[in-house]
Amino acid sequence: MVRLDRLTTRTGDDGTTGRSDGSRLPKDHALMQAIGSIDEANSVLGCVRCEVIPTDLAEALPTVQNDLFDLGSDLASPMDWAYSDRVPRITAAHIDRLETLVESSVARIPPLTSFVLPGGTRAAAQLHVARTVVRRAEREVVTAIRDLGEAKPLNRECLRYLNRLSDLCFAWSRRCNDDGKADLAWVPGKHRNG
């Protein structure tokens, strides 16, 4: 169980952040940036929950937000850490759940005939923001895996989860745009002549 008696620890005043195993990394390390981007995406999803959204999204969002906390904890905890078995790891079951959510959303919306511009309803626009933040987190995890190497391996299921989550955010954005009817279509070169 987590217990926080105080918020200010001053341990990061030197520009580093601690991992679960006690090791420290610079705050601008790709892994720390990825964890920050995951937190940012979670915050945007919290804003989506404040909007009027389809019931199935409202029911699924708390689970996704909890998963994102687990994902951040997973990344903060090296796979070879002595207490690794206590860490909530992202598994194939998490990814299967996201794929099911994507499939059920896609079944409700018409196929795309154009790329869509971020926008429409506030919830749809926020889901596009969440999607792009998740994509950034995914890129940062790729960099962190490369930089840390096999000496400090990360759970690669985290990458798969982020990839599926960005798909889900896109599908959900269309759901929040009246099941795609209020999507803003990209018109290539529409303003090319002024």
C-alpha atoms as a PDB file:
ATOM      1  CA  MET A   1       0.000   0.000   0.000  1.00  0.00           C
ATOM      2  CA  VAL A   2       1.222   3.477  -0.830  1.00  0.00           C
ATOM      3  CA  ARG A   3       1.530   5.968   2.005  1.00  0.00           C
ATOM      4  CA  LEU A   4       2.707   9.514   1.435  1.00  0.00           C
ATOM      5  CA  ASP A   5       3.358  11.489   4.608  1.00  0.00           C
ATOM      6  CA  ARG A   6       4.898  14.436   2.822  1.00  0.00           C
ATOM      7  CA  LEU A   7       5.108  15.697  -0.725  1.00  0.00           C
ATOM      8  CA  THR A   8       8.375  17.611  -0.572  1.00  0.00           C
ATOM      9  CA  THR A   9      11.370  15.283  -0.243  1.00  0.00           C
ATOM     10  CA  ARG A  10      14.109  17.475  -1.762  1.00  0.00           C
ATOM     11  CA  THR A  11      15.770  14.325  -3.162  1.00  0.00           C
ATOM     12  CA  GLY A  12      15.262  15.588  -6.710  1.00  0.00           C
ATOM     13  CA  ASP A  13      16.883  18.954  -6.110  1.00  0.00           C
ATOM     14  CA  ASP A  14      20.046  17.639  -7.756  1.00  0.00           C
ATOM     15  CA  GLY A  15      18.219  17.048 -11.047  1.00  0.00           C
ATOM     16  CA  THR A  16      17.759  13.303 -10.601  1.00  0.00           C
ATOM     17  CA  THR A  17      14.766  11.059  -9.954  1.00  0.00           C
ATOM     18  CA  GLY A  18      14.754   7.787  -8.050  1.00  0.00           C
ATOM     19  CA  ARG A  19      13.580   4.461  -9.433  1.00  0.00           C
ATOM     20  CA  SER A  20      11.936   1.785  -7.305  1.00  0.00           C
ATOM     21  CA  ASP A  21      15.227  -0.058  -6.817  1.00  0.00           C
ATOM     22  CA  GLY A  22      16.912   3.044  -5.374  1.00  0.00           C
ATOM     23  CA  SER A  23      18.915   3.863  -8.500  1.00  0.00           C
ATOM     24  CA  ARG A  24      18.690   7.431  -9.795  1.00  0.00           C
ATOM     25  CA  LEU A  25      18.462   8.830 -13.303  1.00  0.00           C
ATOM     26  CA  PRO A  26      18.667  12.388 -14.603  1.00  0.00           C
ATOM     27  CA  LYS A  27      15.209  13.939 -14.804  1.00  0.00           C
ATOM     28  CA  ASP A  28      15.687  14.447 -18.538  1.00  0.00           C
ATOM     29  CA  HIS A  29      16.538  10.769 -19.181  1.00  0.00           C
ATOM     30  CA  ALA A  30      14.218   9.251 -21.799  1.00  0.00           C
ATOM     31  CA  LEU A  31      12.747   6.884 -19.202  1.00  0.00           C
ATOM     32  CA  MET A  32      11.836   9.727 -16.855  1.00  0.00           C
ATOM     33  CA  GLN A  33      10.415  11.683 -19.786  1.00  0.00           C
ATOM     34  CA  ALA A  34       8.314   8.654 -20.766  1.00  0.00           C
ATOM     35  CA  ILE A  35       6.962   8.299 -17.236  1.00  0.00           C
ATOM     36  CA  GLY A  36       6.145  12.023 -17.282  1.00  0.00           C
ATOM     37  CA  SER A  37       4.365  11.703 -20.630  1.00  0.00           C
ATOM     38  CA  ILE A  38       2.345   8.773 -19.286  1.00  0.00           C
ATOM     39  CA  ASP A  39       1.325  10.931 -16.328  1.00  0.00           C
ATOM     40  CA  GLU A  40       0.391  13.728 -18.739  1.00  0.00           C
ATOM     41  CA  ALA A  41      -1.743  11.377 -20.847  1.00  0.00           C
ATOM     42  CA  ASN A  42      -3.453  10.160 -17.686  1.00  0.00           C
ATOM     43  CA  SER A  43      -4.232  13.753 -16.722  1.00  0.00           C
ATOM     44  CA  VAL A  44      -5.749  14.453 -20.139  1.00  0.00           C
ATOM     45  CA  LEU A  45      -7.891  11.329 -19.799  1.00  0.00           C
ATOM     46  CA  GLY A  46      -9.022  12.702 -16.443  1.00  0.00           C
ATOM     47  CA  CYS A  47     -10.236  15.809 -18.292  1.00  0.00           C
ATOM     48  CA  VAL A  48     -12.107  13.593 -20.768  1.00  0.00           C
ATOM     49  CA  ARG A  49     -13.947  12.010 -17.821  1.00  0.00           C
ATOM     50  CA  CYS A  50     -15.314  15.482 -16.939  1.00  0.00           C
ATOM     51  CA  GLU A  51     -17.076  15.709 -20.306  1.00  0.00           C
ATOM     52  CA  VAL A  52     -20.326  14.178 -21.533  1.00  0.00           C
ATOM     53  CA  ILE A  53     -19.120  10.964 -23.154  1.00  0.00           C
ATOM     54  CA  PRO A  54     -20.660   7.638 -24.182  1.00  0.00           C
ATOM     55  CA  THR A  55     -21.433   5.361 -21.227  1.00  0.00           C
ATOM     56  CA  ASP A  56     -19.066   2.583 -22.326  1.00  0.00           C
ATOM     57  CA  LEU A  57     -16.170   5.075 -22.416  1.00  0.00           C
ATOM     58  CA  ALA A  58     -17.102   6.451 -19.002  1.00  0.00           C
ATOM     59  CA  GLU A  59     -17.062   2.901 -17.628  1.00  0.00           C
ATOM     60  CA  ALA A  60     -13.730   1.956 -19.238  1.00  0.00           C
ATOM     61  CA  LEU A  61     -11.750   5.150 -18.564  1.00  0.00           C
ATOM     62  CA  PRO A  62     -11.072   4.529 -14.842  1.00  0.00           C
ATOM     63  CA  THR A  63      -9.548   1.140 -15.689  1.00  0.00           C
ATOM     64  CA  VAL A  64      -7.324   2.689 -18.363  1.00  0.00           C
ATOM     65  CA  GLN A  65      -6.227   5.420 -15.952  1.00  0.00           C
ATOM     66  CA  ASN A  66      -5.353   2.821 -13.324  1.00  0.00           C
ATOM     67  CA  ASP A  67      -3.433   0.839 -15.962  1.00  0.00           C
ATOM     68  CA  LEU A  68      -1.405   3.961 -16.741  1.00  0.00           C
ATOM     69  CA  PHE A  69      -0.376   4.228 -13.086  1.00  0.00           C
ATOM     70  CA  ASP A  70       0.628   0.553 -13.213  1.00  0.00           C
ATOM     71  CA  LEU A  71       2.550   1.221 -16.428  1.00  0.00           C
ATOM     72  CA  GLY A  72       4.483   4.098 -14.835  1.00  0.00           C
ATOM     73  CA  SER A  73       5.282   1.903 -11.840  1.00  0.00           C
ATOM     74  CA  ASP A  74       6.345  -0.905 -14.175  1.00  0.00           C
ATOM     75  CA  LEU A  75       8.759   1.369 -16.034  1.00  0.00           C
ATOM     76  CA  ALA A  76      10.125   2.802 -12.780  1.00  0.00           C
ATOM     77  CA  SER A  77      10.950  -0.708 -11.541  1.00  0.00           C
ATOM     78  CA  PRO A  78      13.729  -2.643 -13.312  1.00  0.00           C
ATOM     79  CA  MET A  79      12.705  -6.135 -14.396  1.00  0.00           C
ATOM     80  CA  ASP A  80      15.672  -7.617 -12.494  1.00  0.00           C
ATOM     81  CA  TRP A  81      14.931  -5.793  -9.218  1.00  0.00           C
ATOM     82  CA  ALA A  82      14.837  -8.042  -6.140  1.00  0.00           C
ATOM     83  CA  TYR A  83      11.246  -6.970  -5.376  1.00  0.00           C
ATOM     84  CA  SER A  84      10.072  -7.110  -8.974  1.00  0.00           C
ATOM     85  CA  ASP A  85       7.336  -9.617  -8.093  1.00  0.00           C
ATOM     86  CA  ARG A  86       5.591  -6.887  -6.070  1.00  0.00           C
ATOM     87  CA  VAL A  87       5.357  -4.509  -9.024  1.00  0.00           C
ATOM     88  CA  PRO A  88       2.084  -4.314 -10.994  1.00  0.00           C
ATOM     89  CA  ARG A  89       3.430  -5.298 -14.412  1.00  0.00           C
ATOM     90  CA  ILE A  90       1.709  -4.706 -17.743  1.00  0.00           C
ATOM     91  CA  THR A  91       0.807  -8.061 -19.304  1.00  0.00           C
ATOM     92  CA  ALA A  92      -0.743  -9.416 -22.480  1.00  0.00           C
ATOM     93  CA  ALA A  93      -4.115  -9.347 -20.673  1.00  0.00           C
ATOM     94  CA  HIS A  94      -3.927  -5.543 -20.468  1.00  0.00           C
ATOM     95  CA  ILE A  95      -3.279  -5.354 -24.191  1.00  0.00           C
ATOM     96  CA  ASP A  96      -6.089  -7.802 -24.969  1.00  0.00           C
ATOM     97  CA  ARG A  97      -8.490  -5.593 -22.990  1.00  0.00           C
ATOM     98  CA  LEU A  98      -7.465  -2.528 -25.024  1.00  0.00           C
ATOM     99  CA  GLU A  99      -7.850  -4.431 -28.284  1.00  0.00           C
ATOM    100  CA  THR A 100     -11.360  -5.474 -27.262  1.00  0.00           C
ATOM    101  CA  LEU A 101     -12.222  -1.845 -26.480  1.00  0.00           C
ATOM    102  CA  VAL A 102     -10.833  -0.710 -29.847  1.00  0.00           C
ATOM    103  CA  GLU A 103     -12.799  -3.377 -31.717  1.00  0.00           C
ATOM    104  CA  SER A 104     -16.062  -2.556 -29.945  1.00  0.00           C
ATOM    105  CA  SER A 105     -15.619   1.160 -30.701  1.00  0.00           C
ATOM    106  CA  VAL A 106     -14.673   0.629 -34.344  1.00  0.00           C
ATOM    107  CA  ALA A 107     -17.768  -1.553 -34.801  1.00  0.00           C
ATOM    108  CA  ARG A 108     -19.943   1.495 -33.976  1.00  0.00           C
ATOM    109  CA  ILE A 109     -18.343   3.986 -36.388  1.00  0.00           C
ATOM    110  CA  PRO A 110     -18.177   4.129 -40.180  1.00  0.00           C
ATOM    111  CA  PRO A 111     -14.870   3.413 -41.901  1.00  0.00           C
ATOM    112  CA  LEU A 112     -12.652   6.411 -42.555  1.00  0.00           C
ATOM    113  CA  THR A 113     -12.715   7.969 -46.009  1.00  0.00           C
ATOM    114  CA  SER A 114     -10.164  10.633 -45.030  1.00  0.00           C
ATOM    115  CA  PHE A 115      -7.799  11.371 -42.198  1.00  0.00           C
ATOM    116  CA  VAL A 116      -9.483  13.413 -39.492  1.00  0.00           C
ATOM    117  CA  LEU A 117      -8.396  16.678 -37.941  1.00  0.00           C
ATOM    118  CA  PRO A 118      -8.282  16.879 -34.137  1.00  0.00           C
ATOM    119  CA  GLY A 119     -11.436  18.580 -32.941  1.00  0.00           C
ATOM    120  CA  GLY A 120     -15.174  18.315 -32.970  1.00  0.00           C
ATOM    121  CA  THR A 121     -16.412  17.973 -29.413  1.00  0.00           C
ATOM    122  CA  ARG A 122     -14.249  18.938 -26.436  1.00  0.00           C
ATOM    123  CA  ALA A 123     -13.991  15.278 -25.429  1.00  0.00           C
ATOM    124  CA  ALA A 124     -12.868  14.268 -28.935  1.00  0.00           C
ATOM    125  CA  ALA A 125     -10.260  17.044 -29.014  1.00  0.00           C
ATOM    126  CA  GLN A 126      -8.942  15.997 -25.587  1.00  0.00           C
ATOM    127  CA  LEU A 127      -8.732  12.379 -26.733  1.00  0.00           C
ATOM    128  CA  HIS A 128      -6.623  13.529 -29.690  1.00  0.00           C
ATOM    129  CA  VAL A 129      -4.319  15.309 -27.223  1.00  0.00           C
ATOM    130  CA  ALA A 130      -4.132  12.125 -25.145  1.00  0.00           C
ATOM    131  CA  ARG A 131      -3.368  10.122 -28.311  1.00  0.00           C
ATOM    132  CA  THR A 132      -0.441  12.349 -29.251  1.00  0.00           C
ATOM    133  CA  VAL A 133       0.950  12.352 -25.703  1.00  0.00           C
ATOM    134  CA  VAL A 134       0.746   8.535 -25.645  1.00  0.00           C
ATOM    135  CA  ARG A 135       2.617   8.411 -28.965  1.00  0.00           C
ATOM    136  CA  ARG A 136       5.323  10.634 -27.460  1.00  0.00           C
ATOM    137  CA  ALA A 137       5.564   8.331 -24.434  1.00  0.00           C
ATOM    138  CA  GLU A 138       5.925   5.376 -26.774  1.00  0.00           C
ATOM    139  CA  ARG A 139       8.846   7.025 -28.586  1.00  0.00           C
ATOM    140  CA  GLU A 140      10.477   7.879 -25.260  1.00  0.00           C
ATOM    141  CA  VAL A 141      10.155   4.273 -24.048  1.00  0.00           C
ATOM    142  CA  VAL A 142      11.830   3.091 -27.263  1.00  0.00           C
ATOM    143  CA  THR A 143      14.720   5.463 -26.567  1.00  0.00           C
ATOM    144  CA  ALA A 144      14.900   4.370 -22.917  1.00  0.00           C
ATOM    145  CA  ILE A 145      15.027   0.680 -23.888  1.00  0.00           C
ATOM    146  CA  ARG A 146      17.875   1.419 -26.257  1.00  0.00           C
ATOM    147  CA  ASP A 147      19.766   3.636 -23.796  1.00  0.00           C
ATOM    148  CA  LEU A 148      19.397   1.347 -20.771  1.00  0.00           C
ATOM    149  CA  GLY A 149      20.206  -1.749 -22.789  1.00  0.00           C
ATOM    150  CA  GLU A 150      20.068  -5.256 -21.399  1.00  0.00           C
ATOM    151  CA  ALA A 151      21.836  -4.176 -18.208  1.00  0.00           C
ATOM    152  CA  LYS A 152      18.571  -2.619 -16.944  1.00  0.00           C
ATOM    153  CA  PRO A 153      15.815  -4.245 -19.032  1.00  0.00           C
ATOM    154  CA  LEU A 154      12.314  -2.794 -19.228  1.00  0.00           C
ATOM    155  CA  ASN A 155       9.061  -4.665 -19.728  1.00  0.00           C
ATOM    156  CA  ARG A 156       8.439  -4.531 -23.478  1.00  0.00           C
ATOM    157  CA  GLU A 157       4.718  -5.123 -22.937  1.00  0.00           C
ATOM    158  CA  CYS A 158       4.650  -1.448 -21.958  1.00  0.00           C
ATOM    159  CA  LEU A 159       5.414  -0.536 -25.573  1.00  0.00           C
ATOM    160  CA  ARG A 160       2.596  -2.719 -26.873  1.00  0.00           C
ATOM    161  CA  TYR A 161       0.203  -1.196 -24.349  1.00  0.00           C
ATOM    162  CA  LEU A 162       1.061   2.356 -25.405  1.00  0.00           C
ATOM    163  CA  ASN A 163       0.684   1.464 -29.075  1.00  0.00           C
ATOM    164  CA  ARG A 164      -2.811   0.031 -28.492  1.00  0.00           C
ATOM    165  CA  LEU A 165      -3.778   2.910 -26.198  1.00  0.00           C
ATOM    166  CA  SER A 166      -3.084   5.472 -28.916  1.00  0.00           C
ATOM    167  CA  ASP A 167      -5.357   3.459 -31.239  1.00  0.00           C
ATOM    168  CA  LEU A 168      -8.026   3.422 -28.544  1.00  0.00           C
ATOM    169  CA  CYS A 169      -7.799   7.176 -27.998  1.00  0.00           C
ATOM    170  CA  PHE A 170      -8.315   7.682 -31.731  1.00  0.00           C
ATOM    171  CA  ALA A 171     -11.303   5.323 -31.849  1.00  0.00           C
ATOM    172  CA  TRP A 172     -12.781   6.968 -28.772  1.00  0.00           C
ATOM    173  CA  SER A 173     -12.301  10.440 -30.288  1.00  0.00           C
ATOM    174  CA  ARG A 174     -14.513   9.352 -33.179  1.00  0.00           C
ATOM    175  CA  ARG A 175     -17.061   7.907 -30.746  1.00  0.00           C
ATOM    176  CA  CYS A 176     -17.167  11.296 -29.005  1.00  0.00           C
ATOM    177  CA  ASN A 177     -17.799  12.951 -32.368  1.00  0.00           C
ATOM    178  CA  ASP A 178     -21.259  11.395 -32.669  1.00  0.00           C
ATOM    179  CA  ASP A 179     -19.770   8.044 -33.709  1.00  0.00           C
ATOM    180  CA  GLY A 180     -17.748   9.693 -36.465  1.00  0.00           C
ATOM    181  CA  LYS A 181     -20.575  11.812 -37.933  1.00  0.00           C
ATOM    182  CA  ALA A 182     -19.065  15.021 -36.525  1.00  0.00           C
ATOM    183  CA  ASP A 183     -15.450  14.185 -37.454  1.00  0.00           C
ATOM    184  CA  LEU A 184     -13.529  17.001 -39.108  1.00  0.00           C
ATOM    185  CA  ALA A 185     -12.199  15.604 -42.386  1.00  0.00           C
ATOM    186  CA  TRP A 186      -8.771  16.512 -43.699  1.00  0.00           C
ATOM    187  CA  VAL A 187      -9.038  17.918 -47.235  1.00  0.00           C
ATOM    188  CA  PRO A 188      -5.567  17.639 -48.793  1.00  0.00           C
ATOM    189  CA  GLY A 189      -4.421  20.908 -50.369  1.00  0.00           C
ATOM    190  CA  LYS A 190      -7.728  22.651 -49.650  1.00  0.00           C
ATOM    191  CA  HIS A 191      -6.068  26.049 -49.196  1.00  0.00           C
ATOM    192  CA  ARG A 192      -3.154  25.593 -51.557  1.00  0.00           C
ATOM    193  CA  ASN A 193      -4.236  28.480 -53.802  1.00  0.00           C
ATOM    194  CA  GLY A 194      -4.920  30.965 -51.043  1.00  0.00           C
END
